[in-house]
């Protein structure tokens, strides 16, 4: 788990494809483009999803499939 940093926004960044939200990253240090890849936090994200609204599964999205 990451410790909060002064000014932490903690806001998730989503990309909408059709009507499906794709979680790209979460801002931990502030500023545009700052934030770790979500892959390192998969377990934490899935746990939060389970606690907030069970039944959803975090899955990888293949951006390469969009050009096909």
PDB file of N, CA and C in Angstrom:
ATOM      1  N   UNK A   1       0.848  -1.172   0.000  1.00  0.00           N
ATOM      2  CA  UNK A   1       0.000   0.000   0.000  1.00  0.00           C
ATOM      3  C   UNK A   1       0.895   1.237   0.000  1.00  0.00           C
ATOM      4  N   UNK A   2       0.499   2.252  -0.734  1.00  0.00           N
ATOM      5  CA  UNK A   2       1.267   3.489  -0.827  1.00  0.00           C
ATOM      6  C   UNK A   2       0.817   4.463   0.258  1.00  0.00           C
ATOM      7  N   UNK A   3       1.786   5.197   0.800  1.00  0.00           N
ATOM      8  CA  UNK A   3       1.467   6.221   1.781  1.00  0.00           C
ATOM      9  C   UNK A   3       1.016   7.481   1.051  1.00  0.00           C
ATOM     10  N   UNK A   4       0.115   8.211   1.647  1.00  0.00           N
ATOM     11  CA  UNK A   4      -0.360   9.447   1.044  1.00  0.00           C
ATOM     12  C   UNK A   4       0.743  10.490   1.025  1.00  0.00           C
ATOM     13  N   UNK A   5       0.763  11.254  -0.021  1.00  0.00           N
ATOM     14  CA  UNK A   5       1.723  12.333  -0.192  1.00  0.00           C
ATOM     15  C   UNK A   5       0.934  13.628  -0.174  1.00  0.00           C
ATOM     16  N   UNK A   6       1.480  14.664   0.444  1.00  0.00           N
ATOM     17  CA  UNK A   6       0.773  15.944   0.480  1.00  0.00           C
ATOM     18  C   UNK A   6       0.388  16.342  -0.943  1.00  0.00           C
ATOM     19  N   UNK A   7      -0.888  16.648  -1.145  1.00  0.00           N
ATOM     20  CA  UNK A   7      -1.375  17.010  -2.476  1.00  0.00           C
ATOM     21  C   UNK A   7      -1.809  15.816  -3.300  1.00  0.00           C
ATOM     22  N   UNK A   8      -1.749  14.615  -2.710  1.00  0.00           N
ATOM     23  CA  UNK A   8      -2.175  13.411  -3.424  1.00  0.00           C
ATOM     24  C   UNK A   8      -3.611  13.580  -3.911  1.00  0.00           C
ATOM     25  N   UNK A   9      -3.844  13.311  -5.168  1.00  0.00           N
ATOM     26  CA  UNK A   9      -5.206  13.389  -5.652  1.00  0.00           C
ATOM     27  C   UNK A   9      -5.892  12.033  -5.580  1.00  0.00           C
ATOM     28  N   UNK A  10      -5.140  10.960  -5.838  1.00  0.00           N
ATOM     29  CA  UNK A  10      -5.707   9.625  -5.766  1.00  0.00           C
ATOM     30  C   UNK A  10      -6.777   9.361  -6.807  1.00  0.00           C
ATOM     31  N   UNK A  11      -6.865  10.188  -7.808  1.00  0.00           N
ATOM     32  CA  UNK A  11      -7.915  10.065  -8.812  1.00  0.00           C
ATOM     33  C   UNK A  11      -7.551   9.021  -9.862  1.00  0.00           C
ATOM     34  N   UNK A  12      -8.471   8.113 -10.155  1.00  0.00           N
ATOM     35  CA  UNK A  12      -8.224   7.152 -11.226  1.00  0.00           C
ATOM     36  C   UNK A  12      -8.403   7.823 -12.588  1.00  0.00           C
ATOM     37  N   UNK A  13      -7.639   7.366 -13.565  1.00  0.00           N
ATOM     38  CA  UNK A  13      -7.762   7.869 -14.940  1.00  0.00           C
ATOM     39  C   UNK A  13      -8.356   6.755 -15.793  1.00  0.00           C
ATOM     40  N   UNK A  14      -9.480   7.059 -16.426  1.00  0.00           N
ATOM     41  CA  UNK A  14     -10.177   6.088 -17.257  1.00  0.00           C
ATOM     42  C   UNK A  14     -10.175   6.536 -18.709  1.00  0.00           C
ATOM     43  N   UNK A  15     -10.197   5.561 -19.591  1.00  0.00           N
ATOM     44  CA  UNK A  15     -10.410   5.781 -21.012  1.00  0.00           C
ATOM     45  C   UNK A  15     -11.717   5.073 -21.333  1.00  0.00           C
ATOM     46  N   UNK A  16     -12.662   5.764 -21.929  1.00  0.00           N
ATOM     47  CA  UNK A  16     -13.935   5.144 -22.280  1.00  0.00           C
ATOM     48  C   UNK A  16     -13.867   4.621 -23.702  1.00  0.00           C
ATOM     49  N   UNK A  17     -14.134   3.338 -23.858  1.00  0.00           N
ATOM     50  CA  UNK A  17     -14.210   2.718 -25.175  1.00  0.00           C
ATOM     51  C   UNK A  17     -15.615   2.147 -25.281  1.00  0.00           C
ATOM     52  N   UNK A  18     -16.406   2.759 -26.162  1.00  0.00           N
ATOM     53  CA  UNK A  18     -17.828   2.435 -26.194  1.00  0.00           C
ATOM     54  C   UNK A  18     -18.425   2.891 -24.880  1.00  0.00           C
ATOM     55  N   UNK A  19     -19.049   1.997 -24.170  1.00  0.00           N
ATOM     56  CA  UNK A  19     -19.583   2.340 -22.846  1.00  0.00           C
ATOM     57  C   UNK A  19     -18.813   1.643 -21.734  1.00  0.00           C
ATOM     58  N   UNK A  20     -17.603   1.151 -22.057  1.00  0.00           N
ATOM     59  CA  UNK A  20     -16.804   0.420 -21.079  1.00  0.00           C
ATOM     60  C   UNK A  20     -15.647   1.283 -20.580  1.00  0.00           C
ATOM     61  N   UNK A  21     -15.580   1.521 -19.262  1.00  0.00           N
ATOM     62  CA  UNK A  21     -14.451   2.277 -18.719  1.00  0.00           C
ATOM     63  C   UNK A  21     -13.214   1.396 -18.619  1.00  0.00           C
ATOM     64  N   UNK A  22     -12.082   1.911 -19.102  1.00  0.00           N
ATOM     65  CA  UNK A  22     -10.809   1.211 -19.016  1.00  0.00           C
ATOM     66  C   UNK A  22      -9.935   1.987 -18.028  1.00  0.00           C
ATOM     67  N   UNK A  23      -9.581   1.358 -16.910  1.00  0.00           N
ATOM     68  CA  UNK A  23      -8.736   2.001 -15.907  1.00  0.00           C
ATOM     69  C   UNK A  23      -7.303   2.002 -16.423  1.00  0.00           C
ATOM     70  N   UNK A  24      -6.745   3.195 -16.622  1.00  0.00           N
ATOM     71  CA  UNK A  24      -5.409   3.313 -17.190  1.00  0.00           C
ATOM     72  C   UNK A  24      -4.361   3.460 -16.093  1.00  0.00           C
ATOM     73  N   UNK A  25      -4.596   4.348 -15.144  1.00  0.00           N
ATOM     74  CA  UNK A  25      -3.675   4.542 -14.022  1.00  0.00           C
ATOM     75  C   UNK A  25      -4.363   5.361 -12.944  1.00  0.00           C
ATOM     76  N   UNK A  26      -3.702   5.465 -11.790  1.00  0.00           N
ATOM     77  CA  UNK A  26      -4.178   6.314 -10.704  1.00  0.00           C
ATOM     78  C   UNK A  26      -3.093   7.333 -10.396  1.00  0.00           C
ATOM     79  N   UNK A  27      -3.498   8.572 -10.162  1.00  0.00           N
ATOM     80  CA  UNK A  27      -2.535   9.625  -9.848  1.00  0.00           C
ATOM     81  C   UNK A  27      -2.134   9.523  -8.382  1.00  0.00           C
ATOM     82  N   UNK A  28      -0.843   9.349  -8.147  1.00  0.00           N
ATOM     83  CA  UNK A  28      -0.345   9.295  -6.783  1.00  0.00           C
ATOM     84  C   UNK A  28       0.529  10.499  -6.460  1.00  0.00           C
ATOM     85  N   UNK A  29       1.143  11.113  -7.468  1.00  0.00           N
ATOM     86  CA  UNK A  29       2.056  12.209  -7.196  1.00  0.00           C
ATOM     87  C   UNK A  29       1.564  13.536  -7.731  1.00  0.00           C
ATOM     88  N   UNK A  30       0.446  13.550  -8.407  1.00  0.00           N
ATOM     89  CA  UNK A  30      -0.129  14.785  -8.924  1.00  0.00           C
ATOM     90  C   UNK A  30       0.446  15.184 -10.262  1.00  0.00           C
ATOM     91  N   UNK A  31      -0.300  15.982 -10.997  1.00  0.00           N
ATOM     92  CA  UNK A  31       0.150  16.456 -12.296  1.00  0.00           C
ATOM     93  C   UNK A  31      -0.262  15.519 -13.410  1.00  0.00           C
ATOM     94  N   UNK A  32      -0.436  16.082 -14.584  1.00  0.00           N
ATOM     95  CA  UNK A  32      -0.875  15.297 -15.744  1.00  0.00           C
ATOM     96  C   UNK A  32       0.166  14.245 -16.102  1.00  0.00           C
ATOM     97  N   UNK A  33      -0.283  13.038 -16.332  1.00  0.00           N
ATOM     98  CA  UNK A  33       0.599  11.966 -16.755  1.00  0.00           C
ATOM     99  C   UNK A  33       1.376  11.286 -15.649  1.00  0.00           C
ATOM    100  N   UNK A  34       1.202  11.710 -14.416  1.00  0.00           N
ATOM    101  CA  UNK A  34       1.914  11.085 -13.306  1.00  0.00           C
ATOM    102  C   UNK A  34       1.078   9.970 -12.724  1.00  0.00           C
ATOM    103  N   UNK A  35       1.698   8.879 -12.522  1.00  0.00           N
ATOM    104  CA  UNK A  35       1.008   7.763 -11.900  1.00  0.00           C
ATOM    105  C   UNK A  35       1.593   6.453 -12.358  1.00  0.00           C
ATOM    106  N   UNK A  36       1.515   5.461 -11.503  1.00  0.00           N
ATOM    107  CA  UNK A  36       2.084   4.160 -11.846  1.00  0.00           C
ATOM    108  C   UNK A  36       1.163   3.383 -12.771  1.00  0.00           C
ATOM    109  N   UNK A  37       1.746   2.445 -13.450  1.00  0.00           N
ATOM    110  CA  UNK A  37       0.956   1.500 -14.222  1.00  0.00           C
ATOM    111  C   UNK A  37       0.053   0.752 -13.254  1.00  0.00           C
ATOM    112  N   UNK A  38      -1.134   0.473 -13.661  1.00  0.00           N
ATOM    113  CA  UNK A  38      -2.100  -0.189 -12.781  1.00  0.00           C
ATOM    114  C   UNK A  38      -1.738  -1.656 -12.544  1.00  0.00           C
ATOM    115  N   UNK A  39      -0.880  -2.219 -13.396  1.00  0.00           N
ATOM    116  CA  UNK A  39      -0.534  -3.639 -13.277  1.00  0.00           C
ATOM    117  C   UNK A  39       0.085  -3.972 -11.924  1.00  0.00           C
ATOM    118  N   UNK A  40       0.850  -3.051 -11.360  1.00  0.00           N
ATOM    119  CA  UNK A  40       1.467  -3.297 -10.068  1.00  0.00           C
ATOM    120  C   UNK A  40       0.490  -3.273  -8.906  1.00  0.00           C
ATOM    121  N   UNK A  41      -0.713  -2.790  -9.148  1.00  0.00           N
ATOM    122  CA  UNK A  41      -1.714  -2.659  -8.084  1.00  0.00           C
ATOM    123  C   UNK A  41      -2.961  -3.499  -8.354  1.00  0.00           C
ATOM    124  N   UNK A  42      -2.841  -4.491  -9.229  1.00  0.00           N
ATOM    125  CA  UNK A  42      -4.010  -5.291  -9.620  1.00  0.00           C
ATOM    126  C   UNK A  42      -4.753  -5.891  -8.428  1.00  0.00           C
ATOM    127  N   UNK A  43      -4.015  -6.465  -7.495  1.00  0.00           N
ATOM    128  CA  UNK A  43      -4.670  -7.111  -6.345  1.00  0.00           C
ATOM    129  C   UNK A  43      -5.428  -6.096  -5.499  1.00  0.00           C
ATOM    130  N   UNK A  44      -4.801  -4.936  -5.281  1.00  0.00           N
ATOM    131  CA  UNK A  44      -5.450  -3.891  -4.479  1.00  0.00           C
ATOM    132  C   UNK A  44      -6.702  -3.368  -5.176  1.00  0.00           C
ATOM    133  N   UNK A  45      -6.622  -3.191  -6.489  1.00  0.00           N
ATOM    134  CA  UNK A  45      -7.767  -2.699  -7.246  1.00  0.00           C
ATOM    135  C   UNK A  45      -8.900  -3.719  -7.209  1.00  0.00           C
ATOM    136  N   UNK A  46      -8.577  -4.992  -7.428  1.00  0.00           N
ATOM    137  CA  UNK A  46      -9.613  -6.024  -7.400  1.00  0.00           C
ATOM    138  C   UNK A  46     -10.250  -6.109  -6.018  1.00  0.00           C
ATOM    139  N   UNK A  47      -9.437  -6.006  -4.972  1.00  0.00           N
ATOM    140  CA  UNK A  47      -9.966  -6.050  -3.598  1.00  0.00           C
ATOM    141  C   UNK A  47     -10.940  -4.893  -3.371  1.00  0.00           C
ATOM    142  N   UNK A  48     -10.572  -3.696  -3.827  1.00  0.00           N
ATOM    143  CA  UNK A  48     -11.455  -2.537  -3.676  1.00  0.00           C
ATOM    144  C   UNK A  48     -12.741  -2.740  -4.468  1.00  0.00           C
ATOM    145  N   UNK A  49     -12.632  -3.286  -5.667  1.00  0.00           N
ATOM    146  CA  UNK A  49     -13.832  -3.556  -6.468  1.00  0.00           C
ATOM    147  C   UNK A  49     -14.738  -4.554  -5.761  1.00  0.00           C
ATOM    148  N   UNK A  50     -14.145  -5.593  -5.195  1.00  0.00           N
ATOM    149  CA  UNK A  50     -14.927  -6.604  -4.471  1.00  0.00           C
ATOM    150  C   UNK A  50     -15.658  -5.996  -3.276  1.00  0.00           C
ATOM    151  N   UNK A  51     -14.979  -5.109  -2.565  1.00  0.00           N
ATOM    152  CA  UNK A  51     -15.582  -4.488  -1.385  1.00  0.00           C
ATOM    153  C   UNK A  51     -16.673  -3.494  -1.751  1.00  0.00           C
ATOM    154  N   UNK A  52     -16.485  -2.762  -2.846  1.00  0.00           N
ATOM    155  CA  UNK A  52     -17.445  -1.726  -3.234  1.00  0.00           C
ATOM    156  C   UNK A  52     -18.640  -2.270  -4.002  1.00  0.00           C
ATOM    157  N   UNK A  53     -18.383  -3.224  -4.875  1.00  0.00           N
ATOM    158  CA  UNK A  53     -19.465  -3.757  -5.721  1.00  0.00           C
ATOM    159  C   UNK A  53     -19.028  -5.117  -6.243  1.00  0.00           C
ATOM    160  N   UNK A  54     -19.266  -6.135  -5.473  1.00  0.00           N
ATOM    161  CA  UNK A  54     -18.779  -7.462  -5.842  1.00  0.00           C
ATOM    162  C   UNK A  54     -19.402  -7.939  -7.150  1.00  0.00           C
ATOM    163  N   UNK A  55     -18.708  -8.850  -7.790  1.00  0.00           N
ATOM    164  CA  UNK A  55     -19.200  -9.419  -9.037  1.00  0.00           C
ATOM    165  C   UNK A  55     -18.459  -8.929 -10.270  1.00  0.00           C
ATOM    166  N   UNK A  56     -17.656  -7.889 -10.121  1.00  0.00           N
ATOM    167  CA  UNK A  56     -16.876  -7.377 -11.247  1.00  0.00           C
ATOM    168  C   UNK A  56     -15.466  -7.939 -11.169  1.00  0.00           C
ATOM    169  N   UNK A  57     -14.858  -8.153 -12.339  1.00  0.00           N
ATOM    170  CA  UNK A  57     -13.502  -8.692 -12.389  1.00  0.00           C
ATOM    171  C   UNK A  57     -12.613  -7.750 -13.185  1.00  0.00           C
ATOM    172  N   UNK A  58     -11.459  -7.430 -12.623  1.00  0.00           N
ATOM    173  CA  UNK A  58     -10.479  -6.602 -13.305  1.00  0.00           C
ATOM    174  C   UNK A  58      -9.813  -7.452 -14.379  1.00  0.00           C
ATOM    175  N   UNK A  59      -9.903  -7.011 -15.615  1.00  0.00           N
ATOM    176  CA  UNK A  59      -9.313  -7.737 -16.727  1.00  0.00           C
ATOM    177  C   UNK A  59      -8.424  -6.808 -17.535  1.00  0.00           C
ATOM    178  N   UNK A  60      -7.431  -7.383 -18.199  1.00  0.00           N
ATOM    179  CA  UNK A  60      -6.570  -6.592 -19.070  1.00  0.00           C
ATOM    180  C   UNK A  60      -7.312  -6.281 -20.358  1.00  0.00           C
ATOM    181  N   UNK A  61      -7.033  -5.094 -20.913  1.00  0.00           N
ATOM    182  CA  UNK A  61      -7.616  -4.712 -22.188  1.00  0.00           C
ATOM    183  C   UNK A  61      -6.516  -4.688 -23.227  1.00  0.00           C
ATOM    184  N   UNK A  62      -6.744  -5.334 -24.351  1.00  0.00           N
ATOM    185  CA  UNK A  62      -5.767  -5.401 -25.429  1.00  0.00           C
ATOM    186  C   UNK A  62      -5.996  -4.239 -26.392  1.00  0.00           C
ATOM    187  N   UNK A  63      -5.207  -3.183 -26.235  1.00  0.00           N
ATOM    188  CA  UNK A  63      -5.350  -2.012 -27.101  1.00  0.00           C
ATOM    189  C   UNK A  63      -4.991  -2.337 -28.553  1.00  0.00           C
ATOM    190  N   UNK A  64      -4.192  -3.364 -28.755  1.00  0.00           N
ATOM    191  CA  UNK A  64      -3.828  -3.758 -30.119  1.00  0.00           C
ATOM    192  C   UNK A  64      -5.044  -4.280 -30.883  1.00  0.00           C
ATOM    193  N   UNK A  65      -6.034  -4.778 -30.177  1.00  0.00           N
ATOM    194  CA  UNK A  65      -7.217  -5.322 -30.831  1.00  0.00           C
ATOM    195  C   UNK A  65      -8.083  -4.226 -31.444  1.00  0.00           C
ATOM    196  N   UNK A  66      -7.866  -2.991 -31.064  1.00  0.00           N
ATOM    197  CA  UNK A  66      -8.689  -1.898 -31.570  1.00  0.00           C
ATOM    198  C   UNK A  66      -8.413  -1.607 -33.041  1.00  0.00           C
ATOM    199  N   UNK A  67      -7.218  -1.879 -33.512  1.00  0.00           N
ATOM    200  CA  UNK A  67      -6.863  -1.591 -34.888  1.00  0.00           C
ATOM    201  C   UNK A  67      -7.200  -2.718 -35.852  1.00  0.00           C
ATOM    202  N   UNK A  68      -7.748  -3.764 -35.341  1.00  0.00           N
ATOM    203  CA  UNK A  68      -8.051  -4.951 -36.171  1.00  0.00           C
ATOM    204  C   UNK A  68      -9.455  -4.907 -36.705  1.00  0.00           C
TER     205      UNK A  68
END
